[in-house]
Each structure stands twice: as C-alpha cells, then as structure tokens.
Amino acid sequence: MILQPQRRLQAVTIILMHSNLEQQITEERARIVVLDSSLDANKTPYLKGQLRFALHSLDDAGDGLVHAAKADSKWGATWLDFAATNIQIAVQLRQKVQAVVDKFGGPQQIKEVGG
C-alpha cells in the first residue's frame, strides 16, 4: 500500500512522537526510581506515595503508546496526547517531591509528621 504524501508525513510524525515519548517515559522512570530509593518508607510514606502515583502515570503513558501504535492516525494522535499528558503529570509530581526534599536539606533530613 502506497501512502499519499500527507498521510506518509502523518505516519512518520506519529512514529517519531511515539519514539520520543518512549524515551521520555524511560528517562522519567529512572529519575523517579532514584528519588524514591533515596527516601525512607518509614519517614516519608506520603512522598513515596506521590512517587508511586507518578510511576502509575508513566504506566498509563506506556499503555497510551500501545494504543497509539494500534490505532489509525486520527486516534493515534489522541493516544499520543494522552501519553504526553501522563508523562507531564509524572514529571510534575516528581518535581514537587524533589522540591520538598531540597527545601528540607535532603532525604535524610525529612520526617513526615501527622497522618
């Protein structure tokens, strides 16, 4: 099957976006795992929970990429947008946790109170 030039461009764009999003998921997952491993589960259960939510968002983004690969170009773009949004959510959650850790002098200095 030969694609028309515009359809070919759309297909190439979707493939490139898919690859870029996969790379973002991999890199963000690594950042989250490093931050999570620096926190003590007994001292920072809430912060670790936030990072767990961030990892779930990355799982959702990965699922979106699977759906995008199976979908036609119209729905493929929608699934790619879904994946990008979930990556953005994960990044924001990690950055908020990192900001708290940095504000209080590092992971060894933090102990959550209350609950």
N, C-alpha and C. Protein backbone atom coordinates (compact mmCIF):
# COMPACT_ATOMS: atom_id res chain seq x y z
N MET A 1 0.84 -1.18 0.00
CA MET A 1 0.00 0.00 0.00
C MET A 1 0.89 1.25 0.00
N ILE A 2 0.66 2.14 -0.93
CA ILE A 2 1.42 3.38 -1.03
C ILE A 2 0.60 4.50 -0.41
N LEU A 3 1.20 5.21 0.49
CA LEU A 3 0.51 6.31 1.16
C LEU A 3 0.69 7.60 0.37
N GLN A 4 -0.33 8.44 0.42
CA GLN A 4 -0.24 9.77 -0.16
C GLN A 4 0.78 10.57 0.66
N PRO A 5 1.41 11.59 0.06
CA PRO A 5 2.45 12.35 0.79
C PRO A 5 2.00 12.87 2.15
N GLN A 6 0.79 13.41 2.23
CA GLN A 6 0.31 13.95 3.52
C GLN A 6 0.14 12.83 4.54
N ARG A 7 -0.42 11.69 4.12
CA ARG A 7 -0.61 10.57 5.02
C ARG A 7 0.74 9.99 5.45
N ARG A 8 1.70 9.98 4.53
CA ARG A 8 3.03 9.48 4.84
C ARG A 8 3.67 10.38 5.90
N LEU A 9 3.52 11.69 5.75
CA LEU A 9 4.07 12.64 6.72
C LEU A 9 3.42 12.44 8.08
N GLN A 10 2.11 12.23 8.11
CA GLN A 10 1.42 11.98 9.38
C GLN A 10 1.95 10.71 10.03
N ALA A 11 2.14 9.67 9.24
CA ALA A 11 2.63 8.40 9.77
C ALA A 11 4.04 8.55 10.35
N VAL A 12 4.89 9.25 9.64
CA VAL A 12 6.27 9.47 10.12
C VAL A 12 6.25 10.32 11.39
N THR A 13 5.42 11.33 11.42
CA THR A 13 5.31 12.19 12.61
C THR A 13 4.87 11.38 13.82
N ILE A 14 3.89 10.52 13.64
CA ILE A 14 3.40 9.69 14.75
C ILE A 14 4.50 8.74 15.22
N ILE A 15 5.24 8.16 14.31
CA ILE A 15 6.33 7.25 14.69
C ILE A 15 7.40 8.00 15.49
N LEU A 16 7.76 9.19 15.04
CA LEU A 16 8.78 9.98 15.75
C LEU A 16 8.28 10.41 17.13
N MET A 17 7.03 10.84 17.21
CA MET A 17 6.46 11.24 18.50
C MET A 17 6.44 10.04 19.45
N HIS A 18 6.05 8.89 18.93
CA HIS A 18 5.98 7.66 19.73
C HIS A 18 7.35 7.35 20.32
N SER A 19 8.37 7.41 19.49
CA SER A 19 9.74 7.12 19.93
C SER A 19 10.21 8.13 20.98
N ASN A 20 9.92 9.40 20.76
CA ASN A 20 10.30 10.45 21.70
C ASN A 20 9.60 10.25 23.05
N LEU A 21 8.33 9.91 23.01
CA LEU A 21 7.58 9.69 24.25
C LEU A 21 8.09 8.46 25.00
N GLU A 22 8.44 7.41 24.26
CA GLU A 22 9.02 6.22 24.91
C GLU A 22 10.30 6.59 25.66
N GLN A 23 11.12 7.40 25.02
CA GLN A 23 12.38 7.82 25.64
C GLN A 23 12.10 8.67 26.89
N GLN A 24 11.12 9.56 26.81
CA GLN A 24 10.77 10.39 27.96
C GLN A 24 10.28 9.52 29.12
N ILE A 25 9.49 8.50 28.82
CA ILE A 25 9.00 7.60 29.87
C ILE A 25 10.17 6.90 30.55
N THR A 26 11.08 6.38 29.77
CA THR A 26 12.25 5.67 30.31
C THR A 26 13.09 6.59 31.19
N GLU A 27 13.36 7.79 30.70
CA GLU A 27 14.19 8.73 31.47
C GLU A 27 13.50 9.20 32.74
N GLU A 28 12.22 9.49 32.66
CA GLU A 28 11.49 9.96 33.84
C GLU A 28 11.36 8.84 34.87
N ARG A 29 11.11 7.63 34.41
CA ARG A 29 11.02 6.49 35.33
C ARG A 29 12.34 6.35 36.10
N ALA A 30 13.46 6.50 35.42
CA ALA A 30 14.78 6.41 36.07
C ALA A 30 14.93 7.50 37.13
N ARG A 31 14.51 8.72 36.82
CA ARG A 31 14.61 9.82 37.80
C ARG A 31 13.76 9.53 39.03
N ILE A 32 12.57 9.03 38.81
CA ILE A 32 11.65 8.75 39.92
C ILE A 32 12.21 7.64 40.80
N VAL A 33 12.74 6.59 40.18
CA VAL A 33 13.29 5.47 40.94
C VAL A 33 14.47 5.93 41.80
N VAL A 34 15.32 6.77 41.26
CA VAL A 34 16.46 7.29 42.03
C VAL A 34 15.97 8.10 43.23
N LEU A 35 15.01 8.99 43.01
CA LEU A 35 14.49 9.80 44.11
C LEU A 35 13.79 8.92 45.14
N ASP A 36 12.98 7.98 44.67
CA ASP A 36 12.26 7.10 45.57
C ASP A 36 13.22 6.28 46.44
N SER A 37 14.29 5.79 45.84
CA SER A 37 15.24 4.97 46.59
C SER A 37 16.00 5.78 47.64
N SER A 38 16.00 7.10 47.50
CA SER A 38 16.69 7.94 48.49
C SER A 38 15.82 8.23 49.71
N LEU A 39 14.54 7.93 49.62
CA LEU A 39 13.60 8.23 50.70
C LEU A 39 13.36 7.00 51.57
N ASP A 40 13.14 7.25 52.85
CA ASP A 40 12.87 6.19 53.83
C ASP A 40 11.36 5.97 53.91
N ALA A 41 10.92 4.75 53.70
CA ALA A 41 9.49 4.44 53.71
C ALA A 41 8.83 4.73 55.06
N ASN A 42 9.59 4.61 56.13
CA ASN A 42 9.04 4.87 57.46
C ASN A 42 8.94 6.36 57.76
N LYS A 43 9.84 7.14 57.21
CA LYS A 43 9.87 8.58 57.48
C LYS A 43 9.06 9.40 56.47
N THR A 44 8.92 8.89 55.26
CA THR A 44 8.29 9.70 54.20
C THR A 44 7.26 8.89 53.39
N PRO A 45 6.28 8.29 54.06
CA PRO A 45 5.32 7.48 53.31
C PRO A 45 4.49 8.29 52.30
N TYR A 46 4.16 9.53 52.65
CA TYR A 46 3.37 10.35 51.73
C TYR A 46 4.17 10.68 50.47
N LEU A 47 5.41 11.10 50.65
CA LEU A 47 6.24 11.45 49.49
C LEU A 47 6.47 10.23 48.60
N LYS A 48 6.72 9.08 49.22
CA LYS A 48 6.90 7.87 48.43
C LYS A 48 5.60 7.51 47.71
N GLY A 49 4.47 7.78 48.35
CA GLY A 49 3.17 7.54 47.70
C GLY A 49 2.98 8.42 46.48
N GLN A 50 3.43 9.66 46.57
CA GLN A 50 3.34 10.57 45.43
C GLN A 50 4.19 10.06 44.27
N LEU A 51 5.35 9.53 44.59
CA LEU A 51 6.21 8.98 43.54
C LEU A 51 5.60 7.71 42.94
N ARG A 52 4.89 6.95 43.76
CA ARG A 52 4.19 5.77 43.26
C ARG A 52 3.11 6.20 42.26
N PHE A 53 2.38 7.28 42.59
CA PHE A 53 1.38 7.81 41.65
C PHE A 53 2.06 8.25 40.34
N ALA A 54 3.23 8.84 40.46
CA ALA A 54 3.96 9.27 39.26
C ALA A 54 4.32 8.06 38.39
N LEU A 55 4.73 6.98 39.03
CA LEU A 55 5.04 5.77 38.25
C LEU A 55 3.79 5.20 37.60
N HIS A 56 2.65 5.28 38.28
CA HIS A 56 1.39 4.83 37.67
C HIS A 56 1.05 5.68 36.45
N SER A 57 1.32 6.96 36.53
CA SER A 57 1.08 7.84 35.37
C SER A 57 1.96 7.43 34.20
N LEU A 58 3.20 7.05 34.49
CA LEU A 58 4.08 6.58 33.41
C LEU A 58 3.60 5.26 32.84
N ASP A 59 3.05 4.39 33.70
CA ASP A 59 2.46 3.14 33.19
C ASP A 59 1.30 3.46 32.25
N ASP A 60 0.47 4.43 32.64
CA ASP A 60 -0.65 4.84 31.79
C ASP A 60 -0.15 5.41 30.47
N ALA A 61 0.93 6.18 30.53
CA ALA A 61 1.51 6.74 29.31
C ALA A 61 1.98 5.62 28.39
N GLY A 62 2.61 4.61 28.95
CA GLY A 62 3.05 3.47 28.16
C GLY A 62 1.88 2.74 27.52
N ASP A 63 0.80 2.59 28.28
CA ASP A 63 -0.41 1.98 27.71
C ASP A 63 -0.95 2.81 26.56
N GLY A 64 -0.91 4.13 26.72
CA GLY A 64 -1.36 5.01 25.64
C GLY A 64 -0.54 4.82 24.38
N LEU A 65 0.77 4.59 24.54
CA LEU A 65 1.62 4.37 23.37
C LEU A 65 1.27 3.05 22.68
N VAL A 66 0.91 2.05 23.46
CA VAL A 66 0.49 0.77 22.88
C VAL A 66 -0.77 0.98 22.05
N HIS A 67 -1.73 1.72 22.59
CA HIS A 67 -2.97 2.00 21.86
C HIS A 67 -2.69 2.85 20.62
N ALA A 68 -1.78 3.80 20.75
CA ALA A 68 -1.45 4.67 19.61
C ALA A 68 -0.88 3.85 18.46
N ALA A 69 -0.08 2.86 18.78
CA ALA A 69 0.54 2.03 17.74
C ALA A 69 -0.50 1.20 16.98
N LYS A 70 -1.60 0.89 17.65
CA LYS A 70 -2.65 0.06 17.04
C LYS A 70 -3.72 0.88 16.34
N ALA A 71 -3.80 2.16 16.66
CA ALA A 71 -4.91 3.00 16.19
C ALA A 71 -4.62 3.60 14.82
N ASP A 72 -5.70 4.07 14.16
CA ASP A 72 -5.50 4.81 12.92
C ASP A 72 -4.95 6.19 13.27
N SER A 73 -4.59 6.95 12.25
CA SER A 73 -3.89 8.22 12.51
C SER A 73 -4.71 9.19 13.35
N LYS A 74 -6.02 9.23 13.17
CA LYS A 74 -6.86 10.14 13.96
C LYS A 74 -6.78 9.79 15.44
N TRP A 75 -7.01 8.54 15.76
CA TRP A 75 -7.00 8.13 17.16
C TRP A 75 -5.59 7.95 17.69
N GLY A 76 -4.66 7.67 16.81
CA GLY A 76 -3.26 7.55 17.23
C GLY A 76 -2.76 8.84 17.84
N ALA A 77 -3.12 9.96 17.22
CA ALA A 77 -2.72 11.27 17.76
C ALA A 77 -3.35 11.52 19.12
N THR A 78 -4.58 11.08 19.29
CA THR A 78 -5.26 11.25 20.58
C THR A 78 -4.55 10.44 21.66
N TRP A 79 -4.17 9.21 21.34
CA TRP A 79 -3.46 8.38 22.31
C TRP A 79 -2.08 8.93 22.62
N LEU A 80 -1.42 9.51 21.63
CA LEU A 80 -0.12 10.14 21.88
C LEU A 80 -0.27 11.33 22.82
N ASP A 81 -1.34 12.09 22.64
CA ASP A 81 -1.61 13.22 23.53
C ASP A 81 -1.88 12.73 24.95
N PHE A 82 -2.63 11.63 25.06
CA PHE A 82 -2.89 11.02 26.37
C PHE A 82 -1.57 10.63 27.04
N ALA A 83 -0.68 10.01 26.27
CA ALA A 83 0.62 9.60 26.82
C ALA A 83 1.43 10.82 27.27
N ALA A 84 1.46 11.85 26.44
CA ALA A 84 2.22 13.06 26.77
C ALA A 84 1.67 13.72 28.04
N THR A 85 0.37 13.75 28.18
CA THR A 85 -0.25 14.35 29.37
C THR A 85 0.14 13.57 30.63
N ASN A 86 0.14 12.25 30.55
CA ASN A 86 0.50 11.44 31.71
C ASN A 86 1.98 11.57 32.05
N ILE A 87 2.82 11.74 31.05
CA ILE A 87 4.24 11.99 31.32
C ILE A 87 4.38 13.32 32.07
N GLN A 88 3.64 14.32 31.61
CA GLN A 88 3.69 15.64 32.24
C GLN A 88 3.24 15.56 33.70
N ILE A 89 2.22 14.78 33.98
CA ILE A 89 1.74 14.60 35.35
C ILE A 89 2.84 13.96 36.20
N ALA A 90 3.49 12.94 35.67
CA ALA A 90 4.55 12.25 36.40
C ALA A 90 5.72 13.20 36.69
N VAL A 91 6.08 14.00 35.70
CA VAL A 91 7.18 14.96 35.88
C VAL A 91 6.83 15.96 36.98
N GLN A 92 5.61 16.49 36.95
CA GLN A 92 5.19 17.47 37.94
C GLN A 92 5.20 16.87 39.35
N LEU A 93 4.71 15.65 39.49
CA LEU A 93 4.73 15.00 40.81
C LEU A 93 6.15 14.82 41.31
N ARG A 94 7.04 14.34 40.44
CA ARG A 94 8.44 14.15 40.86
C ARG A 94 9.08 15.48 41.24
N GLN A 95 8.82 16.51 40.45
CA GLN A 95 9.42 17.81 40.75
C GLN A 95 8.91 18.36 42.08
N LYS A 96 7.65 18.15 42.41
CA LYS A 96 7.12 18.61 43.69
C LYS A 96 7.77 17.87 44.85
N VAL A 97 7.94 16.56 44.71
CA VAL A 97 8.61 15.79 45.77
C VAL A 97 10.06 16.24 45.88
N GLN A 98 10.73 16.42 44.75
CA GLN A 98 12.13 16.86 44.77
C GLN A 98 12.25 18.23 45.44
N ALA A 99 11.30 19.12 45.19
CA ALA A 99 11.34 20.45 45.80
C ALA A 99 11.24 20.36 47.32
N VAL A 100 10.39 19.47 47.82
CA VAL A 100 10.26 19.29 49.27
C VAL A 100 11.56 18.73 49.84
N VAL A 101 12.11 17.73 49.18
CA VAL A 101 13.37 17.14 49.64
C VAL A 101 14.47 18.19 49.68
N ASP A 102 14.56 18.98 48.62
CA ASP A 102 15.59 20.03 48.57
C ASP A 102 15.37 21.11 49.63
N LYS A 103 14.11 21.46 49.84
CA LYS A 103 13.78 22.53 50.80
C LYS A 103 14.22 22.16 52.22
N PHE A 104 14.10 20.90 52.56
CA PHE A 104 14.41 20.49 53.93
C PHE A 104 15.77 19.82 54.08
N GLY A 105 16.64 20.03 53.10
CA GLY A 105 18.03 19.62 53.25
C GLY A 105 18.37 18.21 52.84
N GLY A 106 17.57 17.59 52.04
CA GLY A 106 17.90 16.26 51.55
C GLY A 106 17.06 15.17 52.19
N PRO A 107 17.08 13.98 51.61
CA PRO A 107 16.21 12.90 52.06
C PRO A 107 16.45 12.46 53.50
N GLN A 108 17.70 12.58 53.99
CA GLN A 108 17.98 12.15 55.36
C GLN A 108 17.40 13.10 56.39
N GLN A 109 17.06 14.31 56.00
CA GLN A 109 16.57 15.33 56.93
C GLN A 109 15.04 15.35 57.06
N ILE A 110 14.35 14.58 56.24
CA ILE A 110 12.89 14.66 56.19
C ILE A 110 12.25 13.58 57.04
N LYS A 111 11.28 13.99 57.83
CA LYS A 111 10.41 13.05 58.54
C LYS A 111 9.03 13.64 58.57
N GLU A 112 8.08 12.93 57.96
CA GLU A 112 6.71 13.41 57.93
C GLU A 112 6.08 13.26 59.32
N VAL A 113 5.22 14.21 59.66
CA VAL A 113 4.55 14.20 60.96
C VAL A 113 3.05 14.22 60.71
N GLY A 114 2.30 13.52 61.52
CA GLY A 114 0.85 13.50 61.38
C GLY A 114 0.40 12.27 60.62
N GLY A 115 -0.81 12.34 60.11
CA GLY A 115 -1.26 11.23 59.28
C GLY A 115 -2.36 10.54 59.90
